[in-house]
């Protein structure tokens, strides 16, 4: 509430009282300590209602054509035992046109893991020649 000597209906009394309180060090400390909590509450209450209609009910088609993907090259594991590619890494210099590919069998206790011909090599490929790796 308001102190007895302040008439809250008089704008000049209220202004004078606020000016006096805002200069008080305890008030300033309280404001600094309360600010983070108040700010958090305000941010929580300012969320967007995802179910509210913000625009007219007009449906706008934003797609100009259906998506399309093409396979340009297939880099097959040169090993005699078939293994899927598990990691593909591009060379940091895009102009080099090289990728490193590692292959492995991910299934635990797979029969292929016991095959003596199974390679443990990873390969470096030139993206313009998918027939044979550069390094293997």
Protein backbone atom coordinates (compact mmCIF):
# COMPACT_ATOMS: atom_id res chain seq x y z
CA UNK A 1 0.00 0.00 0.00
CA UNK A 2 0.81 3.66 -0.10
CA UNK A 3 2.23 5.60 2.90
CA UNK A 4 -0.29 7.80 4.75
CA UNK A 5 1.35 11.05 3.66
CA UNK A 6 1.00 10.10 -0.09
CA UNK A 7 -2.34 10.65 -1.80
CA UNK A 8 -2.31 8.00 -4.58
CA UNK A 9 -4.98 9.91 -6.53
CA UNK A 10 -2.65 12.93 -6.88
CA UNK A 11 -0.20 12.45 -9.76
CA UNK A 12 2.38 14.86 -8.27
CA UNK A 13 2.45 12.98 -4.92
CA UNK A 14 2.87 9.64 -6.66
CA UNK A 15 5.64 11.00 -8.90
CA UNK A 16 7.52 12.50 -5.94
CA UNK A 17 7.21 9.26 -3.91
CA UNK A 18 8.45 7.09 -6.82
CA UNK A 19 11.43 9.37 -7.41
CA UNK A 20 12.36 9.11 -3.71
CA UNK A 21 12.03 5.30 -3.66
CA UNK A 22 13.94 4.76 -6.93
CA UNK A 23 16.98 6.58 -5.45
CA UNK A 24 17.06 4.18 -2.48
CA UNK A 25 19.95 1.66 -2.69
CA UNK A 26 17.81 -1.20 -1.33
CA UNK A 27 15.30 -0.64 -4.12
CA UNK A 28 18.03 -0.69 -6.75
CA UNK A 29 19.52 -3.91 -5.32
CA UNK A 30 16.06 -5.53 -5.22
CA UNK A 31 15.41 -4.64 -8.85
CA UNK A 32 18.76 -6.06 -9.96
CA UNK A 33 18.16 -9.33 -8.12
CA UNK A 34 14.52 -9.69 -9.27
CA UNK A 35 15.16 -8.87 -12.92
CA UNK A 36 16.43 -12.33 -14.08
CA UNK A 37 13.45 -14.10 -12.49
CA UNK A 38 10.94 -11.64 -13.96
CA UNK A 39 12.61 -11.82 -17.36
CA UNK A 40 12.33 -15.64 -17.33
CA UNK A 41 8.60 -15.43 -16.50
CA UNK A 42 8.00 -12.90 -19.25
CA UNK A 43 9.78 -15.07 -21.81
CA UNK A 44 7.68 -18.08 -20.78
CA UNK A 45 4.49 -16.08 -21.21
CA UNK A 46 5.50 -14.69 -24.59
CA UNK A 47 5.38 -18.03 -26.37
CA UNK A 48 3.52 -18.31 -29.64
CA UNK A 49 0.20 -20.14 -29.71
CA UNK A 50 0.79 -22.67 -32.51
CA UNK A 51 -2.93 -23.37 -32.84
CA UNK A 52 -3.96 -19.74 -33.37
CA UNK A 53 -4.82 -18.61 -36.90
CA UNK A 54 -2.41 -15.75 -37.60
CA UNK A 55 -3.15 -15.37 -41.31
CA UNK A 56 -6.14 -15.67 -43.61
CA UNK A 57 -7.28 -19.18 -44.49
CA UNK A 58 -5.75 -18.90 -47.96
CA UNK A 59 -3.67 -21.91 -48.94
CA UNK A 60 -0.47 -20.90 -50.75
CA UNK A 61 1.47 -23.41 -52.80
CA UNK A 62 5.16 -22.75 -52.07
CA UNK A 63 6.51 -25.61 -54.15
CA UNK A 64 7.51 -24.81 -57.70
CA UNK A 65 8.32 -28.37 -58.74
CA UNK A 66 8.54 -31.78 -57.08
CA UNK A 67 11.86 -32.65 -55.40
CA UNK A 68 14.33 -34.60 -57.52
CA UNK A 69 17.46 -36.60 -56.69
CA UNK A 70 19.83 -38.33 -59.10
CA UNK A 71 22.49 -40.92 -58.45
CA UNK A 72 25.64 -39.70 -60.21
CA UNK A 73 28.15 -42.29 -59.04
CA UNK A 74 28.27 -45.49 -57.00
CA UNK A 75 31.36 -46.14 -54.89
CA UNK A 76 31.25 -49.90 -54.26
CA UNK A 77 33.36 -51.63 -51.62
CA UNK A 78 36.23 -53.30 -53.54
CA UNK A 79 36.42 -56.03 -50.87
CA UNK A 80 35.24 -59.52 -51.86
CA UNK A 81 32.98 -59.54 -48.78
CA UNK A 82 30.02 -57.15 -49.14
CA UNK A 83 30.01 -54.40 -46.47
CA UNK A 84 27.87 -51.26 -46.29
CA UNK A 85 29.48 -47.82 -46.17
CA UNK A 86 29.44 -46.60 -42.57
CA UNK A 87 31.14 -43.22 -42.89
CA UNK A 88 31.74 -40.75 -45.74
CA UNK A 89 34.05 -37.74 -45.28
CA UNK A 90 34.77 -35.01 -47.82
CA UNK A 91 38.24 -33.53 -48.32
CA UNK A 92 38.33 -30.03 -46.75
CA UNK A 93 39.37 -28.47 -50.08
CA UNK A 94 36.28 -28.82 -52.25
CA UNK A 95 38.35 -28.47 -55.42
CA UNK A 96 40.28 -31.69 -54.66
CA UNK A 97 37.25 -33.87 -55.42
CA UNK A 98 38.16 -36.59 -52.96
CA UNK A 99 36.15 -38.49 -50.38
CA UNK A 100 37.14 -41.04 -47.76
CA UNK A 101 34.75 -43.95 -47.25
CA UNK A 102 34.89 -46.58 -44.54
CA UNK A 103 33.00 -49.85 -44.82
CA UNK A 104 32.12 -52.32 -42.06
CA UNK A 105 29.70 -54.97 -40.92
CA UNK A 106 27.58 -53.51 -38.14
CA UNK A 107 25.68 -56.64 -37.09
CA UNK A 108 27.15 -58.29 -34.02
CA UNK A 109 28.07 -61.98 -34.63
CA UNK A 110 27.47 -61.68 -38.38
CA UNK A 111 28.83 -64.63 -40.41
CA UNK A 112 30.86 -62.25 -42.58
CA UNK A 113 33.00 -61.25 -39.58
CA UNK A 114 34.60 -64.73 -39.60
CA UNK A 115 35.48 -64.57 -43.31
CA UNK A 116 39.30 -64.46 -43.72
CA UNK A 117 38.95 -62.47 -46.96
CA UNK A 118 37.13 -59.59 -45.27
CA UNK A 119 39.11 -56.38 -45.57
CA UNK A 120 39.43 -53.86 -42.75
CA UNK A 121 40.51 -51.07 -45.12
CA UNK A 122 38.87 -47.73 -45.74
CA UNK A 123 39.27 -46.11 -49.14
CA UNK A 124 39.93 -42.67 -50.64
CA UNK A 125 38.03 -42.09 -53.86
CA UNK A 126 38.29 -39.50 -56.63
CA UNK A 127 34.67 -38.42 -57.17
CA UNK A 128 35.19 -38.29 -60.95
CA UNK A 129 36.29 -41.96 -61.07
CA UNK A 130 34.11 -44.36 -59.10
CA UNK A 131 35.66 -47.50 -60.67
CA UNK A 132 38.78 -47.78 -58.51
CA UNK A 133 39.84 -46.11 -55.24
CA UNK A 134 42.96 -43.91 -55.14
CA UNK A 135 44.16 -45.35 -51.82
CA UNK A 136 42.90 -48.49 -50.10
